[in-house]
Amino acid sequence: MGCEYSTEFVKGNNGQGFEHYHVELTELMLNGFEVLNSMCLLNNFDHLMFFLECQMEPSSCELVVPPFDVFIVLMTLVTVSDHYKDESLRTNDPYNVSRISLSQRSLKVLQFYVKRLNEFDVDKYGRYQLELLRCQLFIAYDSISPGSDKFYRKKKLRRTASGRFFDNETPTVEFKEPYKSYISCLDQKQDVLGNTLINHKLSQPGEFKNMILWTLSNSMQSQQVLYLASHNVWMPLLDLLLDILALRYNYFVKNEAERDNDSKYVQQLSSCPLALFLRVFESIQFSGVFCECVFINCDYELDDALTAPKIHPVYHGETTLSNTFHPRVKYTESYKIRKSLALRRKLLGACFELLTEVPTGHRLVFPRMIPEDISSRIAVILVNFKNLEQFKAFFLNNIDKRPSYVLAYIVDDTLLEMFKKFGKTPLEKYEMGMLAYTRDVNTFFKNCKYYIESGLFAPWDRKKPEKSYLDIQKADTCLIVSMKCYARNGDAVNTSNKKEFLKALLENDKKRKSGLPLLYPLVTKLIDV
């Protein structure tokens, strides 16, 4: 059972100002909250980690639920990477000579809790504990997410001789406590080992978007310190936030949105957690801005590219290696590409997740996006990729693990875009689509045969055939993805057009040169011929 289906202990919108997911505290839980809170206030992070790690053994049936403020501290602690904060970490944890760093331990603890919510095993941990855990994680996420002011109020202005102004030494907002019986550490504690609490840092104008851009722009960096900033801190943290966002969004759709009226439902979707997340890319040209942000620093060029955004480090010092830090791992280019493109695709998946929820005939008010425009823009960018490994990584990452409906549209649009580049005028999408726009397997193989016979999968230039090798291998990748998706369909075993397609594929292989792999053996293996 997904965590969004359990609402036995939630308060709901009962007029008392609570969020729908709000769960009240028992005295026992309050005592546990205060113990963890005191550890945070004392900067006793090693004991905090040890206390939380004890429950992570597979045999353990205990679930220690941290309060929302401790989750925010844990997320901030992830940003205190030893690549630039080694001295601070050694000072705080002087006896750690063999264990992994506090930042990595914190990340593992956070991942543990997100996994418990995804599993939602009430028999093992208890329904109340899991609903309370969900509540605390959602409060923590909502306090960090862009466009959300549910848990903040402006601080009072401070009068000076020259007038009135906000105190710049501390954040200009303070946390609105969700519990009367529990006082969080968020207004007493402003930083973790020198790093401003992540909810204060990312709630500043433009900082959440900058965090995403900083993460992606450095996710394939050759410069060590920049890559470590992305790999050790922001890639796993953004991945974690996307996982929590998925849980939060599913809960909203299931429990908070009213689906009786389509127009009202669309308005509610425009202010849902996922829409608030995507609003950081809001623009008149949303499709262009969003897609170019997702593919920032990938190897491609566009004639109509938008102005490159200005990016800066999220925290001071991230771009300077500590004198006492010694890297133990050397990351290969292939590893960097796979990790980076997987995260970018996950970000795109979040966008399409919202779009597929919009009722037919309606459009979101905010952000202003249309699925066809986004898919087409992605296709234009992918067709212009100069790095084949990046192109393949985008399409083939984890495809066997979980097929993506998003991928179907992108594969179709990419092939159609390549068809234009090849110099042919493609038919309409619903006539020539291979995945998203094809309603039956027989038509799928008919359309595949059309593409093969068009010449797209063989060298175009007889004088310099190698000039078309990159584009041909991109087309190969799209075909392979299509075959992998349709191989799961039982109807694909016997169709009238499959034999004709395979025959055309065999003839096409005869035209391919030594620099290109043969398609027939690979395709027949995929569809079990």
Protein backbone atom coordinates (compact mmCIF):
# COMPACT_ATOMS: atom_id res chain seq x y z
CA MET A 1 0.00 0.00 0.00
CA GLY A 2 1.34 3.43 -0.93
CA CYS A 3 1.80 5.93 1.88
CA GLU A 4 -0.82 8.24 0.34
CA TYR A 5 -3.63 5.77 1.12
CA SER A 6 -3.23 5.77 4.90
CA THR A 7 -5.03 8.65 6.67
CA GLU A 8 -6.21 7.15 9.95
CA PHE A 9 -4.33 9.59 12.20
CA VAL A 10 -4.24 12.73 10.04
CA LYS A 11 -6.01 15.87 11.21
CA GLY A 12 -7.00 17.02 7.73
CA ASN A 13 -8.33 20.48 6.91
CA ASN A 14 -10.46 20.78 10.01
CA GLY A 15 -10.38 24.56 10.24
CA GLN A 16 -7.58 24.64 12.80
CA GLY A 17 -4.92 25.65 10.29
CA PHE A 18 -3.31 22.23 10.02
CA GLU A 19 -2.05 20.73 6.80
CA HIS A 20 -4.08 17.74 5.64
CA TYR A 21 -1.24 15.36 6.49
CA HIS A 22 -0.82 16.75 10.03
CA VAL A 23 -0.52 14.10 12.77
CA GLU A 24 -0.60 14.99 16.47
CA LEU A 25 2.08 13.93 18.94
CA THR A 26 1.72 11.43 21.75
CA GLU A 27 3.64 12.09 24.96
CA LEU A 28 6.06 9.29 24.12
CA MET A 29 6.79 10.74 20.68
CA LEU A 30 7.17 14.23 22.14
CA ASN A 31 9.84 12.93 24.52
CA GLY A 32 11.69 11.35 21.59
CA PHE A 33 11.48 14.60 19.61
CA GLU A 34 13.02 16.56 22.48
CA VAL A 35 15.94 14.14 22.85
CA LEU A 36 16.83 14.46 19.16
CA ASN A 37 16.27 18.22 19.30
CA SER A 38 18.76 18.62 22.15
CA MET A 39 21.40 16.67 20.21
CA CYS A 40 21.01 19.09 17.30
CA LEU A 41 21.23 22.17 19.51
CA LEU A 42 24.43 20.82 21.07
CA ASN A 43 25.91 19.98 17.64
CA ASN A 44 26.27 16.41 18.88
CA PHE A 45 25.92 15.00 15.38
CA ASP A 46 27.89 11.79 15.92
CA HIS A 47 25.55 10.70 18.73
CA LEU A 48 22.56 11.80 16.65
CA MET A 49 23.71 9.66 13.74
CA PHE A 50 24.45 6.67 15.97
CA PHE A 51 21.03 6.96 17.63
CA LEU A 52 19.27 6.94 14.24
CA GLU A 53 21.52 4.33 12.63
CA CYS A 54 20.75 1.71 15.30
CA GLN A 55 17.30 1.11 13.78
CA MET A 56 18.64 0.59 10.25
CA GLU A 57 19.51 -3.09 10.72
CA PRO A 58 17.22 -5.29 8.55
CA SER A 59 16.08 -7.25 11.61
CA SER A 60 15.01 -4.13 13.54
CA CYS A 61 11.27 -3.49 13.94
CA GLU A 62 11.77 -0.20 15.78
CA LEU A 63 11.23 3.10 13.99
CA VAL A 64 12.60 6.25 15.57
CA VAL A 65 10.65 9.15 14.05
CA PRO A 66 12.68 12.39 13.99
CA PRO A 67 10.84 15.73 14.12
CA PHE A 68 10.71 17.97 11.05
CA ASP A 69 13.45 20.29 12.33
CA VAL A 70 15.86 17.38 12.76
CA PHE A 71 15.12 16.35 9.16
CA ILE A 72 16.06 19.87 8.05
CA VAL A 73 19.27 19.67 10.10
CA LEU A 74 20.05 16.28 8.52
CA MET A 75 19.53 17.68 5.02
CA THR A 76 21.79 20.61 5.85
CA LEU A 77 24.38 18.22 7.26
CA VAL A 78 24.47 16.47 3.87
CA THR A 79 25.77 19.73 2.39
CA VAL A 80 28.72 19.75 4.82
CA SER A 81 30.87 17.63 2.53
CA ASP A 82 34.38 16.72 3.59
CA HIS A 83 35.76 17.86 0.24
CA TYR A 84 35.51 21.48 1.42
CA LYS A 85 34.50 21.19 5.09
CA ASP A 86 37.00 18.58 6.22
CA GLU A 87 38.41 20.75 9.01
CA SER A 88 34.94 21.50 10.43
CA LEU A 89 33.96 17.83 10.32
CA ARG A 90 37.19 16.74 12.03
CA THR A 91 36.64 19.30 14.78
CA ASN A 92 33.06 18.17 15.37
CA ASP A 93 33.87 14.45 15.11
CA PRO A 94 37.53 14.14 16.19
CA TYR A 95 37.48 10.39 16.86
CA ASN A 96 36.24 9.42 13.41
CA VAL A 97 39.28 7.83 11.80
CA SER A 98 37.61 5.06 9.81
CA ARG A 99 33.87 5.71 9.56
CA ILE A 100 32.30 7.52 6.64
CA SER A 101 31.80 11.27 7.03
CA LEU A 102 28.86 12.81 8.88
CA SER A 103 27.45 14.12 5.60
CA GLN A 104 27.37 10.64 4.05
CA ARG A 105 25.92 9.11 7.21
CA SER A 106 23.21 11.76 7.22
CA LEU A 107 22.36 11.01 3.60
CA LYS A 108 22.02 7.28 4.33
CA VAL A 109 19.69 8.00 7.25
CA LEU A 110 17.49 10.23 5.08
CA GLN A 111 17.37 7.60 2.33
CA PHE A 112 16.40 5.01 4.95
CA TYR A 113 13.36 7.07 6.00
CA VAL A 114 12.22 7.73 2.43
CA LYS A 115 12.47 4.00 1.73
CA ARG A 116 10.33 3.25 4.80
CA LEU A 117 7.64 5.59 3.47
CA ASN A 118 7.73 4.00 0.03
CA GLU A 119 7.34 0.55 1.58
CA PHE A 120 4.85 1.72 4.26
CA ASP A 121 4.95 -1.58 6.16
CA VAL A 122 2.34 -0.98 8.88
CA ASP A 123 2.66 -4.54 10.20
CA LYS A 124 6.35 -4.02 10.94
CA TYR A 125 6.44 -0.42 12.16
CA GLY A 126 2.86 0.56 13.00
CA ARG A 127 0.46 2.86 11.17
CA TYR A 128 0.75 5.78 13.59
CA GLN A 129 4.56 5.81 13.43
CA LEU A 130 4.55 5.78 9.63
CA GLU A 131 1.89 8.49 9.32
CA LEU A 132 3.83 10.62 11.81
CA LEU A 133 7.03 10.03 9.83
CA ARG A 134 5.24 11.08 6.66
CA CYS A 135 4.00 14.22 8.40
CA GLN A 136 7.49 15.22 9.58
CA LEU A 137 9.10 14.63 6.18
CA PHE A 138 6.33 16.57 4.44
CA ILE A 139 6.69 19.52 6.83
CA ALA A 140 10.45 19.51 6.22
CA TYR A 141 9.96 19.35 2.44
CA ASP A 142 7.26 22.04 2.40
CA SER A 143 9.54 24.36 4.37
CA ILE A 144 12.25 23.95 1.71
CA SER A 145 10.18 23.81 -1.48
CA PRO A 146 9.94 26.94 -3.66
CA GLY A 147 6.83 29.08 -3.54
CA SER A 148 5.71 27.65 -0.23
CA ASP A 149 5.23 30.07 2.68
CA LYS A 150 3.06 27.79 4.80
CA PHE A 151 5.58 27.55 7.60
CA TYR A 152 7.07 31.04 7.51
CA ARG A 153 6.16 34.49 8.66
CA LYS A 154 8.06 37.73 8.22
CA LYS A 155 10.18 38.83 11.14
CA LYS A 156 9.36 42.18 12.70
CA LEU A 157 11.29 45.14 11.41
CA ARG A 158 14.01 46.49 13.65
CA ARG A 159 14.03 50.26 14.16
CA THR A 160 17.35 52.07 13.98
CA ALA A 161 18.36 55.73 14.01
CA SER A 162 18.26 55.80 10.21
CA GLY A 163 14.88 54.13 9.86
CA ARG A 164 13.52 50.61 9.87
CA PHE A 165 14.98 47.57 8.14
CA PHE A 166 15.24 43.79 8.35
CA ASP A 167 18.09 42.32 10.36
CA ASN A 168 20.46 41.06 7.64
CA GLU A 169 22.50 38.93 10.01
CA THR A 170 19.69 36.40 10.34
CA PRO A 171 17.02 35.25 7.86
CA THR A 172 14.14 37.68 7.43
CA VAL A 173 11.59 34.92 8.08
CA GLU A 174 10.98 32.75 11.09
CA PHE A 175 9.44 29.32 11.31
CA LYS A 176 5.78 28.95 12.28
CA GLU A 177 5.71 26.04 14.71
CA PRO A 178 3.23 23.30 13.67
CA TYR A 179 3.00 22.00 17.27
CA LYS A 180 2.21 23.92 20.46
CA SER A 181 3.76 21.22 22.64
CA TYR A 182 7.06 21.07 20.74
CA ILE A 183 9.44 23.95 20.12
CA SER A 184 11.75 23.29 17.20
CA CYS A 185 15.39 24.28 17.06
CA LEU A 186 14.98 26.21 13.79
CA ASP A 187 14.74 29.70 15.30
CA GLN A 188 17.56 29.01 17.76
CA LYS A 189 19.86 27.29 15.31
CA GLN A 190 20.78 29.16 12.13
CA ASP A 191 23.49 26.91 10.71
CA VAL A 192 25.09 23.46 10.77
CA LEU A 193 28.89 23.55 10.99
CA GLY A 194 28.94 26.91 9.23
CA ASN A 195 26.33 26.15 6.56
CA THR A 196 23.06 28.08 6.80
CA LEU A 197 20.08 25.78 7.36
CA ILE A 198 18.93 24.53 3.99
CA ASN A 199 15.35 25.77 4.44
CA HIS A 200 16.62 29.33 4.93
CA LYS A 201 19.17 29.04 2.12
CA LEU A 202 16.81 27.67 -0.55
CA SER A 203 13.85 29.85 0.41
CA GLN A 204 15.72 32.96 -0.74
CA PRO A 205 14.59 34.28 -4.18
CA GLY A 206 16.15 32.32 -7.04
CA GLU A 207 18.19 30.03 -4.79
CA PHE A 208 16.18 26.85 -5.37
CA LYS A 209 16.52 27.17 -9.14
CA ASN A 210 20.20 28.01 -8.75
CA MET A 211 20.65 24.84 -6.67
CA ILE A 212 19.21 22.72 -9.48
CA LEU A 213 21.35 24.45 -12.12
CA TRP A 214 24.48 24.24 -9.95
CA THR A 215 23.85 20.51 -9.48
CA LEU A 216 23.30 19.70 -13.15
CA SER A 217 25.96 22.02 -14.56
CA ASN A 218 28.66 20.30 -12.48
CA SER A 219 27.34 16.75 -12.77
CA MET A 220 29.76 15.86 -15.61
CA GLN A 221 32.56 18.27 -14.73
CA SER A 222 36.17 17.34 -15.41
CA GLN A 223 37.35 19.76 -12.69
CA GLN A 224 37.54 17.67 -9.53
CA VAL A 225 36.29 20.14 -6.95
CA LEU A 226 33.23 21.11 -9.01
CA TYR A 227 32.33 17.49 -9.67
CA LEU A 228 32.68 16.60 -5.99
CA ALA A 229 30.34 19.46 -5.07
CA SER A 230 27.72 17.95 -7.36
CA HIS A 231 28.39 14.24 -6.79
CA ASN A 232 28.89 14.26 -3.02
CA VAL A 233 26.24 16.82 -2.11
CA TRP A 234 23.73 18.13 -4.59
CA MET A 235 23.03 15.18 -6.86
CA PRO A 236 22.03 12.85 -4.00
CA LEU A 237 20.21 15.67 -2.20
CA LEU A 238 18.22 16.72 -5.29
CA ASP A 239 17.46 13.06 -5.97
CA LEU A 240 16.18 12.72 -2.40
CA LEU A 241 14.04 15.86 -2.68
CA LEU A 242 12.51 14.53 -5.90
CA ASP A 243 11.64 11.27 -4.12
CA ILE A 244 9.96 13.15 -1.26
CA LEU A 245 8.22 15.42 -3.80
CA ALA A 246 6.77 12.34 -5.54
CA LEU A 247 5.33 11.13 -2.21
CA ARG A 248 4.01 14.61 -1.38
CA TYR A 249 2.41 15.02 -4.81
CA ASN A 250 0.74 11.59 -4.72
CA TYR A 251 -0.67 12.42 -1.29
CA PHE A 252 -2.03 15.73 -2.60
CA VAL A 253 -3.74 14.10 -5.59
CA LYS A 254 -5.22 11.32 -3.48
CA ASN A 255 -6.37 13.29 -0.43
CA GLU A 256 -6.31 17.06 -0.90
CA ALA A 257 -7.50 17.71 -4.47
CA GLU A 258 -11.20 17.71 -5.35
CA ARG A 259 -11.87 15.84 -8.57
CA ASP A 260 -15.61 16.46 -8.95
CA ASN A 261 -15.07 19.43 -11.28
CA ASP A 262 -12.32 19.39 -13.94
CA SER A 263 -11.86 23.17 -14.01
CA LYS A 264 -11.49 23.38 -10.25
CA TYR A 265 -9.18 20.36 -10.27
CA VAL A 266 -6.87 22.04 -12.79
CA GLN A 267 -6.75 25.16 -10.60
CA GLN A 268 -5.76 23.01 -7.64
CA LEU A 269 -3.11 21.23 -9.68
CA SER A 270 -1.63 24.62 -10.55
CA SER A 271 -0.84 25.16 -6.87
CA CYS A 272 0.04 21.57 -5.96
CA PRO A 273 3.53 20.70 -4.60
CA LEU A 274 4.78 19.56 -8.01
CA ALA A 275 3.55 22.74 -9.72
CA LEU A 276 5.24 24.87 -7.05
CA PHE A 277 8.47 22.97 -7.70
CA LEU A 278 8.26 23.59 -11.46
CA ARG A 279 7.36 27.26 -11.03
CA VAL A 280 11.04 28.06 -10.50
CA PHE A 281 11.32 27.64 -14.29
CA GLU A 282 8.21 29.72 -15.00
CA SER A 283 8.52 31.81 -18.13
CA ILE A 284 6.59 32.81 -21.24
CA GLN A 285 8.87 30.27 -22.95
CA PHE A 286 8.51 27.57 -20.28
CA SER A 287 9.33 24.64 -22.58
CA GLY A 288 12.55 26.24 -23.79
CA VAL A 289 13.68 27.46 -20.36
CA PHE A 290 12.87 24.20 -18.59
CA CYS A 291 14.44 21.91 -21.19
CA GLU A 292 17.61 23.97 -21.55
CA CYS A 293 17.97 24.05 -17.77
CA VAL A 294 17.58 20.28 -17.58
CA PHE A 295 20.22 19.73 -20.28
CA ILE A 296 22.57 22.46 -19.09
CA ASN A 297 26.24 21.72 -19.91
CA CYS A 298 25.39 18.72 -22.07
CA ASP A 299 27.31 18.54 -25.34
CA TYR A 300 24.97 20.24 -27.83
CA GLU A 301 24.43 23.57 -29.57
CA LEU A 302 21.23 25.26 -30.72
CA ASP A 303 20.84 28.19 -33.08
CA ASP A 304 17.84 29.45 -31.09
CA ALA A 305 19.25 28.75 -27.62
CA LEU A 306 18.10 31.06 -24.85
CA THR A 307 20.45 33.21 -22.78
CA ALA A 308 22.51 31.03 -20.44
CA PRO A 309 21.47 31.52 -16.79
CA LYS A 310 23.90 32.85 -14.20
CA ILE A 311 24.90 30.21 -11.68
CA HIS A 312 26.78 30.43 -8.39
CA PRO A 313 27.77 27.97 -5.64
CA VAL A 314 25.00 27.33 -3.13
CA TYR A 315 27.34 27.58 -0.15
CA HIS A 316 30.52 29.57 0.25
CA GLY A 317 33.68 27.51 -0.15
CA GLU A 318 32.22 24.66 -2.22
CA THR A 319 34.71 25.33 -5.01
CA THR A 320 37.82 25.09 -2.81
CA LEU A 321 39.23 21.74 -1.70
CA SER A 322 40.16 21.42 1.96
CA ASN A 323 43.90 21.11 2.61
CA THR A 324 43.33 17.93 4.61
CA PHE A 325 41.02 16.27 2.08
CA HIS A 326 42.40 13.41 0.02
CA PRO A 327 40.11 11.98 -2.70
CA ARG A 328 39.92 8.19 -2.65
CA VAL A 329 37.87 7.57 -5.78
CA LYS A 330 38.46 8.55 -9.38
CA TYR A 331 35.22 8.76 -11.33
CA THR A 332 35.21 7.71 -14.98
CA GLU A 333 33.60 9.77 -17.71
CA SER A 334 31.06 7.00 -18.35
CA TYR A 335 30.05 6.94 -14.69
CA LYS A 336 29.57 10.71 -14.64
CA ILE A 337 27.44 10.63 -17.78
CA ARG A 338 25.19 7.81 -16.52
CA LYS A 339 24.62 9.45 -13.14
CA SER A 340 24.00 12.88 -14.64
CA LEU A 341 21.58 11.82 -17.37
CA ALA A 342 19.62 9.61 -14.98
CA LEU A 343 18.98 12.60 -12.71
CA ARG A 344 18.04 14.84 -15.64
CA ARG A 345 15.55 12.26 -16.87
CA LYS A 346 14.07 11.99 -13.38
CA LEU A 347 13.56 15.75 -13.40
CA LEU A 348 11.79 15.54 -16.76
CA GLY A 349 9.69 12.66 -15.43
CA ALA A 350 8.42 14.88 -12.60
CA CYS A 351 7.25 17.43 -15.17
CA PHE A 352 5.38 14.85 -17.24
CA GLU A 353 3.90 13.34 -14.06
CA LEU A 354 2.03 16.59 -13.52
CA LEU A 355 1.05 16.99 -17.17
CA THR A 356 -0.53 13.53 -17.35
CA GLU A 357 -2.79 14.40 -14.42
CA VAL A 358 -4.39 17.34 -16.28
CA PRO A 359 -7.86 16.38 -17.60
CA THR A 360 -8.31 16.22 -21.37
CA GLY A 361 -9.16 19.60 -22.88
CA HIS A 362 -7.66 21.60 -20.01
CA ARG A 363 -4.33 23.33 -19.42
CA LEU A 364 -2.49 24.29 -16.28
CA VAL A 365 -2.69 27.92 -15.23
CA PHE A 366 0.81 27.73 -13.74
CA PRO A 367 3.30 26.69 -14.84
CA ARG A 368 2.29 27.34 -18.45
CA MET A 369 3.38 24.15 -20.18
CA ILE A 370 2.08 21.85 -22.90
CA PRO A 371 3.35 18.24 -23.14
CA GLU A 372 3.76 18.32 -26.92
CA ASP A 373 5.91 21.48 -26.74
CA ILE A 374 8.16 20.04 -24.05
CA SER A 375 8.59 16.70 -25.81
CA SER A 376 9.37 18.43 -29.11
CA ARG A 377 11.91 20.75 -27.47
CA ILE A 378 13.62 17.79 -25.80
CA ALA A 379 13.78 16.05 -29.18
CA VAL A 380 15.39 19.09 -30.83
CA ILE A 381 18.05 19.20 -28.11
CA LEU A 382 18.74 15.45 -28.26
CA VAL A 383 19.08 15.44 -32.05
CA ASN A 384 21.80 18.09 -31.66
CA PHE A 385 23.80 16.09 -29.10
CA LYS A 386 27.42 15.69 -30.22
CA ASN A 387 28.26 13.08 -27.59
CA LEU A 388 26.77 9.68 -28.41
CA GLU A 389 27.40 8.32 -24.92
CA GLN A 390 25.33 11.13 -23.40
CA PHE A 391 22.55 10.46 -25.92
CA LYS A 392 22.53 6.73 -25.13
CA ALA A 393 22.66 7.34 -21.39
CA PHE A 394 19.54 9.49 -21.56
CA PHE A 395 17.51 6.82 -23.34
CA LEU A 396 18.91 3.58 -21.95
CA ASN A 397 19.39 4.41 -18.25
CA ASN A 398 17.30 1.99 -16.17
CA ILE A 399 14.92 1.25 -19.03
CA ASP A 400 14.76 -2.41 -18.00
CA LYS A 401 14.05 -1.40 -14.42
CA ARG A 402 10.96 0.73 -15.01
CA PRO A 403 9.55 1.54 -18.47
CA SER A 404 8.63 5.18 -18.81
CA TYR A 405 5.63 6.55 -20.65
CA VAL A 406 7.58 9.79 -20.89
CA LEU A 407 10.25 8.05 -22.90
CA ALA A 408 7.70 6.90 -25.47
CA TYR A 409 6.84 10.45 -26.52
CA ILE A 410 10.46 11.54 -26.53
CA VAL A 411 11.56 8.56 -28.66
CA ASP A 412 8.86 9.30 -31.24
CA ASP A 413 9.59 13.01 -31.40
CA THR A 414 13.35 12.42 -31.59
CA LEU A 415 12.97 10.05 -34.54
CA LEU A 416 10.64 12.47 -36.28
CA GLU A 417 13.13 15.30 -35.70
CA MET A 418 15.94 13.17 -37.11
CA PHE A 419 13.75 12.39 -40.10
CA LYS A 420 13.55 16.14 -40.80
CA LYS A 421 17.31 16.47 -40.41
CA PHE A 422 17.74 13.56 -42.82
CA GLY A 423 15.88 15.61 -45.41
CA LYS A 424 12.56 13.79 -45.44
CA THR A 425 9.15 15.21 -44.64
CA PRO A 426 7.68 12.96 -41.96
CA LEU A 427 4.03 12.06 -41.81
CA GLU A 428 1.87 13.17 -38.90
CA LYS A 429 2.79 11.84 -35.48
CA TYR A 430 -0.30 9.69 -35.18
CA GLU A 431 0.55 8.10 -38.55
CA MET A 432 4.27 7.60 -38.03
CA GLY A 433 4.73 7.29 -34.28
CA MET A 434 6.48 4.18 -33.02
CA LEU A 435 5.57 4.16 -29.33
CA ALA A 436 3.40 6.90 -27.88
CA TYR A 437 1.32 7.52 -30.98
CA THR A 438 0.88 3.88 -32.07
CA ARG A 439 -2.19 2.01 -30.84
CA ASP A 440 -1.33 -1.56 -31.88
CA VAL A 441 1.72 -3.75 -32.39
CA ASN A 442 1.01 -4.44 -36.05
CA THR A 443 1.11 -0.72 -36.88
CA PHE A 444 4.25 -0.41 -34.78
CA PHE A 445 6.17 -2.86 -36.99
CA LYS A 446 4.71 -1.28 -40.12
CA ASN A 447 6.06 2.12 -39.07
CA CYS A 448 9.42 0.64 -38.05
CA LYS A 449 9.71 -0.86 -41.53
CA TYR A 450 8.96 2.54 -43.07
CA TYR A 451 11.79 4.16 -41.12
CA ILE A 452 14.24 1.39 -42.03
CA GLU A 453 13.41 1.61 -45.75
CA SER A 454 13.68 5.41 -45.71
CA GLY A 455 17.47 5.18 -45.50
CA LEU A 456 17.74 6.77 -42.07
CA PHE A 457 19.58 3.73 -40.68
CA ALA A 458 22.27 3.47 -43.38
CA PRO A 459 25.10 5.88 -44.39
CA TRP A 460 23.65 8.88 -46.20
CA ASP A 461 26.75 10.28 -47.88
CA ARG A 462 28.50 7.80 -50.18
CA LYS A 463 31.64 9.94 -50.47
CA LYS A 464 32.02 10.48 -46.71
CA PRO A 465 29.75 7.92 -45.03
CA GLU A 466 31.32 8.53 -41.60
CA LYS A 467 29.70 12.00 -41.51
CA SER A 468 26.33 10.37 -40.83
CA TYR A 469 27.57 7.75 -38.34
CA LEU A 470 26.64 9.79 -35.26
CA ASP A 471 23.07 10.42 -36.43
CA ILE A 472 22.64 6.80 -37.51
CA GLN A 473 23.71 5.53 -34.09
CA LYS A 474 21.26 7.95 -32.45
CA ALA A 475 18.51 6.50 -34.64
CA ASP A 476 19.72 3.00 -33.68
CA THR A 477 19.33 3.92 -30.00
CA CYS A 478 15.75 5.10 -30.53
CA LEU A 479 14.91 1.88 -32.38
CA ILE A 480 16.44 -0.26 -29.62
CA VAL A 481 14.45 1.60 -26.95
CA SER A 482 11.29 1.04 -29.00
CA MET A 483 12.03 -2.66 -29.32
CA LYS A 484 12.73 -3.02 -25.60
CA CYS A 485 9.40 -1.41 -24.75
CA TYR A 486 7.40 -3.48 -27.22
CA ALA A 487 9.24 -6.69 -26.30
CA ARG A 488 7.20 -6.64 -23.09
CA ASN A 489 3.98 -6.85 -25.08
CA GLY A 490 2.81 -10.43 -25.62
CA ASP A 491 1.15 -9.47 -28.91
CA ALA A 492 4.58 -8.71 -30.36
CA VAL A 493 5.28 -12.41 -30.89
CA ASN A 494 3.06 -12.91 -33.92
CA THR A 495 2.15 -9.97 -36.15
CA SER A 496 1.66 -9.74 -39.90
CA ASN A 497 4.14 -6.90 -40.35
CA LYS A 498 6.92 -8.23 -38.13
CA LYS A 499 8.43 -10.50 -40.80
CA GLU A 500 8.43 -7.68 -43.35
CA PHE A 501 10.16 -5.41 -40.85
CA LEU A 502 12.86 -8.00 -40.08
CA LYS A 503 13.42 -8.58 -43.79
CA ALA A 504 13.90 -4.83 -44.33
CA LEU A 505 16.26 -4.75 -41.36
CA LEU A 506 18.38 -7.53 -42.82
CA GLU A 507 18.64 -5.70 -46.15
CA ASN A 508 19.55 -2.48 -44.34
CA ASP A 509 22.43 -4.20 -42.51
CA LYS A 510 24.03 -5.01 -45.87
CA LYS A 511 24.35 -1.25 -46.51
CA ARG A 512 26.00 -0.50 -43.15
CA LYS A 513 29.77 -0.05 -43.09
CA SER A 514 32.33 -1.50 -40.70
CA GLY A 515 32.02 1.45 -38.33
CA LEU A 516 28.36 0.66 -37.59
CA PRO A 517 27.03 -2.31 -35.59
CA LEU A 518 24.49 -4.63 -37.24
CA LEU A 519 20.92 -4.12 -36.11
CA TYR A 520 19.34 -7.42 -37.13
CA PRO A 521 21.08 -9.65 -34.52
CA LEU A 522 20.35 -7.20 -31.72
CA VAL A 523 16.70 -6.61 -32.63
CA THR A 524 15.91 -10.31 -33.10
CA LYS A 525 17.40 -11.01 -29.68
CA LEU A 526 15.27 -8.30 -28.09
CA ILE A 527 11.99 -9.56 -29.56
CA ASP A 528 12.88 -13.25 -29.09
CA VAL A 529 12.85 -14.31 -32.73
